[in-house]
């Protein structure tokens, strides 16, 4: 119930949405995209209040930059921007004297990190299918530390601080009560936030346990391996360097231990190999960057994690055969959600009863396939978007600021199979491109009941174009309306999903279409008896295009 109330607050209030993104940013530091976990972690900083305040400031700046630069809401909600900003604040508080000159630098760094995240999403996540991780934080922080290397050490804002703002008071109480080995583990976890605090480590570990037991086990194991490797190969090395290697290994272990890769015994071995690699790379970076007095931060975590994910992404079919399967970035949540993702996909092999035809005449382009954020995720994970392109692969003529410019606008939309019309909405206005209607996200739609708890949902239809009514019986290929640009749509297209109930936004289900063609060129056409259209394919309905 509390979760539902929070969700309603976030949806109805700009301030609630902002606080949600802020808290998710703190949680995302340890791969917990959850505001409650972020709050738990933030509470830990009563033992390091100045660091917490600077992290809040930098995180706020990064999120505001994302909002002002019109970043998609789901990306802001993902916690990426808040996470990077918070980490910058932690590092500045740890490595630099707290002078007033620090504040403008912190604000500028927050802005730069947000812009760099947007750049990397376009060029790394979308094009190469690799996560951004904390690359922006590392690069921007290195730049900031180099720029502020000669910042005056006095006077500082720490002079005459009230007692409750002094760091480490809880640490002084807790640390002597614990064995050194246990304290080191908590310090390793807290070092992720650039703190050496048993209390912060405890609360972070509590948050991890509440969010994901699997991530907790991998995180502790990775951290222990990291600090053990450091102790073996660098006896007498600095404690801070040991913790740096340890927390980088912990993050590698969490990332590859069921977060970005399906959890199997093979992927567990792969993650362990990556952790050992991360330990070696981490020690090398600590020593190398130490020569120029620059901290290694989370560099080895980013390098090793991206390298191991890139290797898997280069040969997905081969690695799948040996039990290694990347989780699509659109699915990334926590290991428990898809700990057996490969089995989940196999279990969801198409088991539909209804034989579906594509809901249009002619050749259409699959602009968005299954499991693609933001709109094809969660309940709508198994949806498709279809558009029409010209021979130059353009979806509109002219400027594209009028719906009539779009080749798909107004084209017939067909019933994909026989059934009874369950629900109809026809009154939503068509948007002026590229503006979308967030209030009526489904726009005009038709839901058809095919029996066997299978329902077709077809949305974003043209206003007042729907020619069927609730209760009507429809046949395969019967006209139901025209393609439009209503609802959460920036350009004319058809949204289709097969779902489990007649309610709007019900859980979608894996679906396949029958008797359609894939057009690879004018002469190279593949006829599919059944299949699932893939993103970027040109497809036509064999039964409805006159062939």
Protein backbone atom coordinates (compact mmCIF):
# COMPACT_ATOMS: atom_id res chain seq x y z
CA UNK A 1 0.00 0.00 0.00
CA UNK A 2 2.86 2.38 0.83
CA UNK A 3 4.40 1.60 -2.56
CA UNK A 4 1.11 2.48 -4.31
CA UNK A 5 0.83 5.76 -2.40
CA UNK A 6 4.40 6.66 -3.33
CA UNK A 7 3.73 5.83 -6.99
CA UNK A 8 0.66 8.08 -7.00
CA UNK A 9 2.64 10.90 -5.41
CA UNK A 10 5.40 10.55 -8.00
CA UNK A 11 2.88 10.62 -10.86
CA UNK A 12 0.90 13.58 -9.51
CA UNK A 13 3.65 15.82 -8.18
CA UNK A 14 6.71 17.28 -9.86
CA UNK A 15 8.41 17.51 -6.47
CA UNK A 16 7.56 13.88 -5.71
CA UNK A 17 8.95 12.82 -9.07
CA UNK A 18 12.15 14.77 -8.41
CA UNK A 19 12.65 13.26 -4.93
CA UNK A 20 12.01 9.81 -6.39
CA UNK A 21 14.74 10.34 -9.01
CA UNK A 22 17.09 11.68 -6.32
CA UNK A 23 16.63 8.66 -4.05
CA UNK A 24 16.88 6.23 -6.95
CA UNK A 25 20.22 7.82 -7.82
CA UNK A 26 21.65 6.93 -4.41
CA UNK A 27 20.30 3.38 -4.68
CA UNK A 28 21.59 2.97 -8.21
CA UNK A 29 25.16 3.34 -6.94
CA UNK A 30 24.85 -0.30 -5.87
CA UNK A 31 22.48 -1.31 -8.71
CA UNK A 32 19.30 -0.78 -6.67
CA UNK A 33 16.88 1.32 -8.71
CA UNK A 34 14.60 1.70 -5.72
CA UNK A 35 13.84 4.91 -3.79
CA UNK A 36 13.53 3.08 -0.47
CA UNK A 37 17.03 1.63 -0.81
CA UNK A 38 18.32 5.07 -1.72
CA UNK A 39 16.72 6.49 1.41
CA UNK A 40 18.30 3.78 3.59
CA UNK A 41 21.72 4.54 2.12
CA UNK A 42 21.21 8.27 2.58
CA UNK A 43 20.32 7.77 6.25
CA UNK A 44 23.77 6.20 6.67
CA UNK A 45 25.31 9.59 5.97
CA UNK A 46 24.33 10.91 9.36
CA UNK A 47 27.83 9.60 10.08
CA UNK A 48 29.26 11.73 7.27
CA UNK A 49 26.84 14.65 6.88
CA UNK A 50 29.07 16.93 4.81
CA UNK A 51 29.63 14.19 2.23
CA UNK A 52 25.90 13.51 2.17
CA UNK A 53 25.05 17.18 1.65
CA UNK A 54 27.55 17.63 -1.18
CA UNK A 55 26.27 14.43 -2.81
CA UNK A 56 22.70 15.73 -2.59
CA UNK A 57 23.74 19.04 -4.13
CA UNK A 58 25.62 17.48 -7.04
CA UNK A 59 22.89 14.90 -7.61
CA UNK A 60 20.27 17.66 -7.67
CA UNK A 61 22.27 19.60 -10.26
CA UNK A 62 22.67 16.54 -12.48
CA UNK A 63 18.95 15.72 -12.36
CA UNK A 64 17.94 19.34 -13.01
CA UNK A 65 20.28 19.40 -16.00
CA UNK A 66 18.62 16.27 -17.34
CA UNK A 67 15.17 17.82 -16.87
CA UNK A 68 16.13 21.15 -18.47
CA UNK A 69 17.68 19.39 -21.46
CA UNK A 70 14.37 17.52 -21.99
CA UNK A 71 15.67 14.06 -21.18
CA UNK A 72 13.11 11.26 -21.36
CA UNK A 73 11.37 10.72 -18.03
CA UNK A 74 12.22 7.03 -17.81
CA UNK A 75 15.94 7.82 -18.09
CA UNK A 76 15.74 10.33 -15.25
CA UNK A 77 13.74 7.83 -13.20
CA UNK A 78 16.38 5.17 -13.84
CA UNK A 79 18.68 6.92 -11.37
CA UNK A 80 21.61 7.30 -13.79
CA UNK A 81 21.83 11.06 -13.45
CA UNK A 82 21.36 11.14 -9.69
CA UNK A 83 23.88 8.34 -9.24
CA UNK A 84 26.65 10.09 -11.15
CA UNK A 85 26.01 13.39 -9.41
CA UNK A 86 26.01 11.83 -5.96
CA UNK A 87 29.31 10.04 -6.55
CA UNK A 88 30.94 13.28 -7.66
CA UNK A 89 29.81 14.91 -4.42
CA UNK A 90 31.21 12.04 -2.34
CA UNK A 91 34.61 12.23 -4.03
CA UNK A 92 34.90 16.01 -3.79
CA UNK A 93 34.09 15.83 -0.07
CA UNK A 94 36.67 13.08 0.45
CA UNK A 95 39.62 14.39 -1.58
CA UNK A 96 39.28 18.18 -1.53
CA UNK A 97 39.26 20.82 1.19
CA UNK A 98 35.76 22.20 1.72
CA UNK A 99 36.29 25.77 0.50
CA UNK A 100 33.70 27.99 -1.10
CA UNK A 101 35.57 27.58 -4.40
CA UNK A 102 34.51 23.94 -4.31
CA UNK A 103 30.81 24.68 -4.76
CA UNK A 104 30.93 26.18 -8.29
CA UNK A 105 33.21 23.33 -9.36
CA UNK A 106 30.73 20.83 -7.93
CA UNK A 107 27.82 22.46 -9.78
CA UNK A 108 29.74 22.48 -13.06
CA UNK A 109 30.76 18.85 -12.60
CA UNK A 110 27.13 17.85 -12.00
CA UNK A 111 26.11 19.56 -15.23
CA UNK A 112 28.94 17.96 -17.22
CA UNK A 113 28.16 14.49 -15.90
CA UNK A 114 24.52 14.79 -16.98
CA UNK A 115 25.48 15.89 -20.48
CA UNK A 116 28.04 13.09 -20.74
CA UNK A 117 25.44 10.52 -19.66
CA UNK A 118 23.13 11.65 -22.47
CA UNK A 119 25.98 11.40 -24.96
CA UNK A 120 26.94 7.90 -23.82
CA UNK A 121 23.36 6.67 -23.86
CA UNK A 122 23.14 7.58 -27.55
CA UNK A 123 26.55 6.24 -28.52
CA UNK A 124 27.11 3.37 -26.10
CA UNK A 125 23.78 2.03 -24.88
CA UNK A 126 21.70 2.50 -28.04
CA UNK A 127 24.35 1.77 -30.67
CA UNK A 128 26.49 -0.83 -28.90
CA UNK A 129 23.99 -2.12 -26.30
CA UNK A 130 26.37 -1.53 -23.41
CA UNK A 131 25.42 0.19 -20.12
CA UNK A 132 26.77 3.61 -19.21
CA UNK A 133 27.74 2.43 -15.69
CA UNK A 134 29.67 5.17 -13.86
CA UNK A 135 31.90 6.25 -16.75
CA UNK A 136 30.64 9.89 -16.65
CA UNK A 137 31.37 10.11 -12.94
CA UNK A 138 34.94 8.80 -13.33
CA UNK A 139 35.83 11.07 -16.26
CA UNK A 140 34.25 14.24 -14.86
CA UNK A 141 35.69 13.64 -11.39
CA UNK A 142 39.20 13.13 -12.74
CA UNK A 143 38.83 16.40 -14.64
CA UNK A 144 37.59 18.14 -11.52
CA UNK A 145 40.34 16.81 -9.27
CA UNK A 146 43.01 17.83 -11.76
CA UNK A 147 41.51 21.31 -12.08
CA UNK A 148 41.25 21.79 -8.33
CA UNK A 149 44.60 20.27 -7.44
CA UNK A 150 45.89 23.59 -6.10
CA UNK A 151 42.73 24.71 -4.32
CA UNK A 152 43.66 26.44 -1.03
CA UNK A 153 43.53 24.17 1.98
CA UNK A 154 42.42 26.96 4.31
CA UNK A 155 40.24 28.54 5.43
CA UNK A 156 37.58 25.87 5.06
CA UNK A 157 33.88 25.70 5.79
CA UNK A 158 34.67 22.97 8.30
CA UNK A 159 35.93 25.52 10.82
CA UNK A 160 33.65 25.82 13.84
CA UNK A 161 31.16 23.26 12.56
CA UNK A 162 28.37 22.26 14.99
CA UNK A 163 28.92 18.86 16.53
CA UNK A 164 26.20 17.06 14.60
CA UNK A 165 27.98 17.83 11.30
CA UNK A 166 31.28 16.28 12.35
CA UNK A 167 31.97 13.02 10.51
CA UNK A 168 32.91 9.68 12.00
CA UNK A 169 31.24 9.88 15.40
CA UNK A 170 29.26 6.66 14.90
CA UNK A 171 32.34 5.01 13.39
CA UNK A 172 34.25 5.66 16.61
CA UNK A 173 31.57 3.83 18.55
CA UNK A 174 31.05 0.85 16.23
CA UNK A 175 34.50 0.03 14.85
CA UNK A 176 36.07 -1.11 18.17
CA UNK A 177 33.15 -3.49 18.77
CA UNK A 178 33.76 -5.56 15.64
CA UNK A 179 36.55 -7.92 14.58
CA UNK A 180 38.95 -6.31 12.16
CA UNK A 181 37.95 -8.64 9.31
CA UNK A 182 34.26 -7.71 9.67
CA UNK A 183 35.08 -4.01 9.89
CA UNK A 184 37.12 -4.34 6.70
CA UNK A 185 34.16 -5.84 4.84
CA UNK A 186 31.88 -3.01 5.96
CA UNK A 187 34.59 -0.49 5.06
CA UNK A 188 34.88 -2.08 1.61
CA UNK A 189 31.13 -1.66 1.04
CA UNK A 190 31.19 1.93 2.33
CA UNK A 191 34.21 2.67 0.09
CA UNK A 192 31.79 2.43 -2.87
CA UNK A 193 30.63 5.83 -1.55
CA UNK A 194 34.21 6.91 -0.78
CA UNK A 195 33.74 6.53 2.96
CA UNK A 196 35.42 4.38 5.58
CA UNK A 197 32.42 3.88 7.81
CA UNK A 198 31.11 0.69 9.38
CA UNK A 199 27.70 2.34 9.83
CA UNK A 200 27.39 3.37 6.17
CA UNK A 201 28.58 -0.08 5.13
CA UNK A 202 25.97 -1.70 7.38
CA UNK A 203 23.10 0.36 5.98
CA UNK A 204 24.26 -0.17 2.40
CA UNK A 205 24.39 -3.92 3.03
CA UNK A 206 20.92 -3.77 4.58
CA UNK A 207 19.62 -2.01 1.49
CA UNK A 208 21.23 -4.61 -0.75
CA UNK A 209 19.71 -7.46 1.25
CA UNK A 210 16.24 -5.92 1.04
CA UNK A 211 16.59 -5.35 -2.70
CA UNK A 212 18.41 -8.48 -3.86
CA UNK A 213 19.85 -11.37 -1.88
CA UNK A 214 21.66 -12.54 -4.99
CA UNK A 215 23.40 -9.18 -5.45
CA UNK A 216 24.28 -9.18 -1.75
CA UNK A 217 26.04 -12.55 -1.99
CA UNK A 218 27.91 -11.56 -5.15
CA UNK A 219 28.84 -8.16 -3.71
CA UNK A 220 30.31 -9.59 -0.51
CA UNK A 221 32.11 -12.37 -2.40
CA UNK A 222 33.59 -9.92 -4.91
CA UNK A 223 34.72 -7.55 -2.17
CA UNK A 224 36.37 -10.33 -0.17
CA UNK A 225 38.17 -11.61 -3.27
CA UNK A 226 39.39 -8.10 -4.07
CA UNK A 227 40.82 -7.31 -0.67
CA UNK A 228 42.32 -10.81 -0.42
CA UNK A 229 44.09 -10.43 -3.77
CA UNK A 230 45.44 -7.05 -2.69
CA UNK A 231 46.70 -8.46 0.61
CA UNK A 232 48.43 -11.38 -1.16
CA UNK A 233 50.12 -9.39 -3.91
CA UNK A 234 50.66 -6.09 -2.11
CA UNK A 235 51.48 -6.93 1.50
CA UNK A 236 51.84 -3.77 3.51
CA UNK A 237 49.95 -1.76 0.91
CA UNK A 238 47.83 1.22 1.88
CA UNK A 239 44.49 0.43 3.49
CA UNK A 240 42.74 2.92 1.19
CA UNK A 241 44.15 1.17 -1.88
CA UNK A 242 43.00 -2.19 -0.55
CA UNK A 243 39.45 -0.87 -0.14
CA UNK A 244 39.52 0.66 -3.63
CA UNK A 245 40.42 -2.68 -5.18
CA UNK A 246 37.86 -4.39 -2.96
CA UNK A 247 34.88 -2.19 -3.81
CA UNK A 248 35.66 -2.30 -7.53
CA UNK A 249 35.65 -6.09 -7.39
CA UNK A 250 32.38 -6.02 -5.42
CA UNK A 251 30.73 -3.90 -8.12
CA UNK A 252 32.07 -6.12 -10.91
CA UNK A 253 30.68 -9.15 -9.11
CA UNK A 254 27.23 -7.59 -8.69
CA UNK A 255 27.11 -6.35 -12.30
CA UNK A 256 28.06 -9.67 -13.88
CA UNK A 257 26.54 -11.91 -11.21
CA UNK A 258 23.02 -11.97 -12.55
CA UNK A 259 22.45 -8.26 -13.20
CA UNK A 260 23.54 -7.84 -16.82
CA UNK A 261 23.93 -11.59 -17.48
CA UNK A 262 21.42 -14.38 -16.87
CA UNK A 263 22.31 -16.17 -13.64
CA UNK A 264 23.57 -19.69 -14.34
CA UNK A 265 26.51 -21.67 -12.98
CA UNK A 266 28.39 -20.77 -16.17
CA UNK A 267 27.72 -17.06 -15.69
CA UNK A 268 28.79 -17.36 -12.05
CA UNK A 269 32.17 -18.72 -13.17
CA UNK A 270 32.37 -15.97 -15.78
CA UNK A 271 31.67 -13.34 -13.10
CA UNK A 272 34.31 -14.82 -10.80
CA UNK A 273 36.87 -14.73 -13.60
CA UNK A 274 35.96 -11.09 -14.18
CA UNK A 275 36.37 -10.35 -10.47
CA UNK A 276 39.90 -11.82 -10.44
CA UNK A 277 40.66 -9.83 -13.59
CA UNK A 278 39.25 -6.74 -11.90
CA UNK A 279 41.50 -7.30 -8.92
CA UNK A 280 44.61 -7.36 -11.09
CA UNK A 281 43.48 -4.39 -13.18
CA UNK A 282 42.51 -2.52 -10.02
CA UNK A 283 45.93 -2.97 -8.43
CA UNK A 284 47.60 -1.86 -11.66
CA UNK A 285 45.45 1.27 -11.93
CA UNK A 286 45.96 2.18 -8.25
CA UNK A 287 49.73 2.04 -8.76
CA UNK A 288 49.73 3.69 -12.19
CA UNK A 289 47.43 6.58 -11.33
CA UNK A 290 49.15 6.95 -7.97
CA UNK A 291 52.24 8.13 -9.88
CA UNK A 292 50.32 11.26 -10.91
CA UNK A 293 48.45 11.48 -7.60
CA UNK A 294 45.04 10.69 -9.13
CA UNK A 295 42.70 8.23 -7.38
CA UNK A 296 41.60 5.17 -9.36
CA UNK A 297 37.97 5.67 -8.29
CA UNK A 298 35.72 3.11 -10.05
CA UNK A 299 37.88 2.87 -13.17
CA UNK A 300 38.64 -0.86 -12.97
CA UNK A 301 34.95 -1.67 -12.39
CA UNK A 302 33.98 0.22 -15.55
CA UNK A 303 36.80 -1.16 -17.69
CA UNK A 304 36.42 -4.80 -16.71
CA UNK A 305 32.62 -4.88 -16.69
CA UNK A 306 32.33 -3.27 -20.11
CA UNK A 307 35.05 -5.53 -21.52
CA UNK A 308 33.35 -8.71 -20.32
CA UNK A 309 29.92 -7.55 -21.52
CA UNK A 310 31.38 -6.52 -24.88
CA UNK A 311 32.92 -9.96 -25.33
CA UNK A 312 29.54 -11.62 -24.77
CA UNK A 313 27.79 -9.17 -27.07
CA UNK A 314 30.11 -9.93 -29.99
CA UNK A 315 28.96 -13.55 -30.31
CA UNK A 316 25.51 -13.89 -28.67
CA UNK A 317 24.58 -17.17 -30.37
CA UNK A 318 27.85 -18.85 -29.40
CA UNK A 319 27.81 -17.67 -25.82
CA UNK A 320 24.15 -18.71 -25.41
CA UNK A 321 25.09 -22.26 -26.31
CA UNK A 322 27.46 -22.42 -23.32
CA UNK A 323 24.97 -21.02 -20.81
CA UNK A 324 25.85 -17.32 -21.03
CA UNK A 325 23.10 -14.93 -22.06
CA UNK A 326 23.04 -11.16 -21.81
CA UNK A 327 19.96 -9.64 -20.24
CA UNK A 328 18.56 -6.96 -22.61
CA UNK A 329 19.19 -3.49 -21.18
CA UNK A 330 15.44 -2.88 -21.31
CA UNK A 331 14.96 -5.79 -18.86
CA UNK A 332 17.67 -4.85 -16.40
CA UNK A 333 16.20 -4.67 -12.90
CA UNK A 334 17.62 -7.10 -10.32
CA UNK A 335 18.83 -10.71 -10.56
CA UNK A 336 15.69 -12.14 -8.94
CA UNK A 337 13.54 -10.63 -11.69
CA UNK A 338 15.23 -12.69 -14.37
CA UNK A 339 17.61 -14.97 -12.44
CA UNK A 340 16.41 -17.65 -14.81
CA UNK A 341 15.75 -15.26 -17.69
CA UNK A 342 16.74 -17.75 -20.35
CA UNK A 343 14.33 -20.29 -18.90
CA UNK A 344 11.69 -17.57 -18.63
CA UNK A 345 12.04 -16.81 -22.31
CA UNK A 346 11.90 -20.49 -23.19
CA UNK A 347 8.82 -21.00 -21.01
CA UNK A 348 7.19 -18.11 -22.80
CA UNK A 349 7.61 -19.76 -26.14
CA UNK A 350 4.59 -18.83 -28.15
CA UNK A 351 1.68 -20.82 -26.83
CA UNK A 352 -1.16 -18.72 -28.22
CA UNK A 353 -4.37 -20.18 -29.53
CA UNK A 354 -5.39 -17.39 -31.92
CA UNK A 355 -3.81 -17.18 -35.38
CA UNK A 356 -2.82 -13.56 -35.88
CA UNK A 357 -2.38 -11.64 -39.11
CA UNK A 358 -0.58 -8.32 -39.31
CA UNK A 359 -3.16 -5.54 -38.82
CA UNK A 360 -2.53 -3.60 -42.04
CA UNK A 361 -2.28 -3.64 -45.82
CA UNK A 362 1.02 -3.16 -47.63
CA UNK A 363 4.59 -3.00 -46.38
CA UNK A 364 5.26 -1.56 -42.93
CA UNK A 365 8.45 -1.08 -40.92
CA UNK A 366 8.89 -2.42 -37.37
CA UNK A 367 10.08 0.74 -35.61
CA UNK A 368 10.06 -0.75 -32.12
CA UNK A 369 10.00 -4.41 -31.17
CA UNK A 370 9.57 -6.37 -27.97
CA UNK A 371 11.33 -5.45 -24.73
CA UNK A 372 12.31 -1.93 -25.69
CA UNK A 373 12.11 0.87 -23.17
CA UNK A 374 10.40 3.12 -22.45
CA UNK A 375 7.07 2.07 -23.93
CA UNK A 376 7.69 -1.62 -24.61
CA UNK A 377 8.65 -2.76 -21.15
CA UNK A 378 6.84 -4.05 -18.10
CA UNK A 379 3.25 -4.94 -18.96
CA UNK A 380 3.79 -3.93 -22.61
CA UNK A 381 7.08 -5.78 -23.08
CA UNK A 382 5.67 -7.90 -25.94
CA UNK A 383 4.36 -5.02 -28.07
CA UNK A 384 5.23 -3.85 -31.58
CA UNK A 385 5.15 -0.43 -33.25
CA UNK A 386 4.67 -0.26 -37.02
CA UNK A 387 5.26 2.72 -39.33
CA UNK A 388 5.39 3.30 -43.09
CA UNK A 389 8.59 4.48 -44.80
CA UNK A 390 9.18 5.69 -48.36
CA UNK A 391 11.88 4.35 -50.63
CA UNK A 392 14.41 6.64 -48.95
CA UNK A 393 13.47 5.23 -45.54
CA UNK A 394 11.82 8.47 -44.46
CA UNK A 395 8.60 8.31 -42.48
CA UNK A 396 7.25 11.70 -43.57
CA UNK A 397 7.26 14.18 -46.43
CA UNK A 398 7.93 17.87 -45.98
CA UNK A 399 8.75 19.16 -42.51
CA UNK A 400 7.05 16.41 -40.52
CA UNK A 401 5.20 18.93 -38.33
CA UNK A 402 1.77 18.00 -39.69
CA UNK A 403 0.18 14.57 -39.30
CA UNK A 404 -0.66 14.57 -43.00
CA UNK A 405 3.07 14.61 -43.74
CA UNK A 406 3.36 11.05 -42.40
CA UNK A 407 2.94 8.20 -44.86
CA UNK A 408 1.14 6.01 -42.32
CA UNK A 409 -1.36 8.62 -41.14
CA UNK A 410 -4.90 7.71 -42.10
CA UNK A 411 -4.05 4.29 -43.55
CA UNK A 412 -6.45 1.42 -42.80
CA UNK A 413 -5.98 -0.63 -39.63
CA UNK A 414 -7.38 -4.17 -39.68
CA UNK A 415 -8.59 -6.72 -37.18
CA UNK A 416 -5.72 -9.25 -36.81
CA UNK A 417 -8.10 -12.16 -36.12
CA UNK A 418 -11.80 -12.91 -35.58
CA UNK A 419 -13.30 -11.87 -32.26
CA UNK A 420 -15.64 -9.60 -30.35
CA UNK A 421 -14.81 -5.94 -29.72
CA UNK A 422 -14.33 -5.57 -25.97
CA UNK A 423 -13.38 -1.91 -25.62
CA UNK A 424 -13.19 1.17 -27.83
CA UNK A 425 -12.00 4.74 -27.28
CA UNK A 426 -12.25 7.15 -30.21
CA UNK A 427 -12.20 10.67 -28.78
CA UNK A 428 -8.52 11.39 -28.09
CA UNK A 429 -7.19 14.15 -30.36
CA UNK A 430 -4.32 13.47 -32.73
CA UNK A 431 -1.12 15.13 -31.56
CA UNK A 432 0.83 17.74 -33.47
CA UNK A 433 4.25 16.14 -34.13
CA UNK A 434 6.48 15.83 -32.19
CA UNK A 435 4.29 16.57 -29.14
CA UNK A 436 2.91 13.56 -27.24
CA UNK A 437 -0.16 13.27 -25.02
CA UNK A 438 1.03 11.91 -21.67
CA UNK A 439 -2.40 12.14 -20.08
CA UNK A 440 -4.14 9.79 -22.54
CA UNK A 441 -1.13 7.60 -23.24
CA UNK A 442 -2.99 4.88 -25.19
CA UNK A 443 -4.83 7.39 -27.36
CA UNK A 444 -7.66 5.92 -29.42
CA UNK A 445 -7.71 2.14 -29.26
CA UNK A 446 -9.63 -1.04 -29.97
CA UNK A 447 -9.40 -4.16 -27.80
CA UNK A 448 -10.65 -7.40 -29.40
CA UNK A 449 -11.50 -10.55 -27.45
CA UNK A 450 -10.36 -13.66 -29.38
CA UNK A 451 -11.37 -16.10 -26.64
CA UNK A 452 -9.02 -18.27 -24.56
CA UNK A 453 -8.03 -15.19 -22.55
CA UNK A 454 -6.30 -13.65 -25.57
CA UNK A 455 -7.01 -10.04 -26.49
CA UNK A 456 -5.59 -7.84 -29.24
CA UNK A 457 -4.92 -4.23 -28.25
CA UNK A 458 -4.39 -1.79 -31.14
CA UNK A 459 -3.78 1.84 -30.20
CA UNK A 460 -2.85 5.39 -31.32
CA UNK A 461 -5.62 5.32 -33.94
CA UNK A 462 -6.87 8.46 -35.68
CA UNK A 463 -9.52 10.43 -33.81
CA UNK A 464 -13.10 9.56 -34.86
CA UNK A 465 -11.85 6.97 -37.37
CA UNK A 466 -12.87 3.80 -35.50
CA UNK A 467 -15.77 2.08 -37.28
CA UNK A 468 -16.49 -0.71 -34.80
CA UNK A 469 -18.27 -0.55 -31.45
CA UNK A 470 -18.09 -2.55 -28.26
CA UNK A 471 -19.88 -5.88 -28.69
CA UNK A 472 -19.37 -6.01 -32.47
CA UNK A 473 -18.13 -9.26 -33.99
CA UNK A 474 -15.21 -8.73 -36.36
CA UNK A 475 -13.53 -10.93 -38.94
CA UNK A 476 -9.86 -11.22 -39.81
CA UNK A 477 -8.81 -8.33 -42.04
CA UNK A 478 -11.93 -6.26 -41.30
CA UNK A 479 -11.41 -2.50 -41.15
CA UNK A 480 -11.54 -1.22 -37.57
CA UNK A 481 -10.14 2.30 -38.00
CA UNK A 482 -7.27 4.36 -39.36
CA UNK A 483 -3.69 4.85 -38.27
CA UNK A 484 -3.30 8.01 -36.23
CA UNK A 485 -1.08 9.90 -33.81
CA UNK A 486 -3.11 9.96 -30.61
CA UNK A 487 -1.91 9.34 -27.07
CA UNK A 488 1.74 8.87 -26.10
CA UNK A 489 2.86 9.13 -29.71
CA UNK A 490 5.13 11.64 -31.39
CA UNK A 491 4.54 10.34 -34.93
CA UNK A 492 1.81 8.38 -36.67
CA UNK A 493 2.12 4.63 -36.03
CA UNK A 494 0.27 1.46 -35.00
CA UNK A 495 0.91 -0.06 -31.57
CA UNK A 496 -0.07 -3.72 -31.30
CA UNK A 497 0.09 -6.20 -28.45
CA UNK A 498 -1.56 -9.50 -27.59
CA UNK A 499 -2.58 -9.38 -23.94
CA UNK A 500 -4.10 -11.52 -21.23
CA UNK A 501 -7.16 -9.43 -20.33
CA UNK A 502 -9.54 -6.84 -21.78
CA UNK A 503 -8.37 -4.07 -19.45
CA UNK A 504 -6.31 -1.28 -20.93
CA UNK A 505 -2.62 -1.85 -20.25
CA UNK A 506 -3.07 -5.49 -19.22
CA UNK A 507 -0.01 -7.73 -19.25
CA UNK A 508 1.10 -8.43 -22.80
CA UNK A 509 2.07 -11.94 -23.83
CA UNK A 510 4.54 -13.34 -26.37
CA UNK A 511 2.86 -13.52 -29.76
CA UNK A 512 3.54 -14.69 -33.27
CA UNK A 513 1.96 -13.70 -36.56
CA UNK A 514 1.04 -16.11 -39.35
CA UNK A 515 1.52 -15.87 -43.11
CA UNK A 516 3.52 -12.69 -43.47
CA UNK A 517 6.50 -11.61 -45.56
CA UNK A 518 9.85 -10.08 -44.67
CA UNK A 519 11.09 -7.69 -47.37
CA UNK A 520 14.88 -7.50 -47.37
CA UNK A 521 14.87 -5.88 -50.81
CA UNK A 522 12.54 -5.58 -53.79
CA UNK A 523 13.61 -9.02 -55.00
CA UNK A 524 14.57 -10.76 -51.76
CA UNK A 525 11.41 -11.65 -49.87
CA UNK A 526 11.03 -14.30 -47.20
CA UNK A 527 7.60 -15.81 -46.62
CA UNK A 528 6.97 -16.66 -42.98
CA UNK A 529 4.37 -19.23 -42.07
CA UNK A 530 4.67 -17.94 -38.53
CA UNK A 531 7.09 -15.80 -36.59
CA UNK A 532 7.76 -12.71 -34.52
CA UNK A 533 8.64 -9.60 -36.56
CA UNK A 534 11.95 -8.14 -35.48
CA UNK A 535 12.80 -4.51 -35.03
CA UNK A 536 13.92 -2.79 -38.28
CA UNK A 537 12.27 -5.42 -40.49
CA UNK A 538 10.00 -4.48 -43.38
CA UNK A 539 6.96 -6.74 -43.22
CA UNK A 540 3.70 -7.21 -45.07
CA UNK A 541 0.63 -9.31 -44.51
CA UNK A 542 0.51 -12.09 -47.11
CA UNK A 543 -3.22 -12.46 -46.75
CA UNK A 544 -4.09 -8.81 -47.00
CA UNK A 545 -1.73 -7.40 -49.61
CA UNK A 546 -3.29 -9.15 -52.55
CA UNK A 547 -0.77 -11.98 -52.90
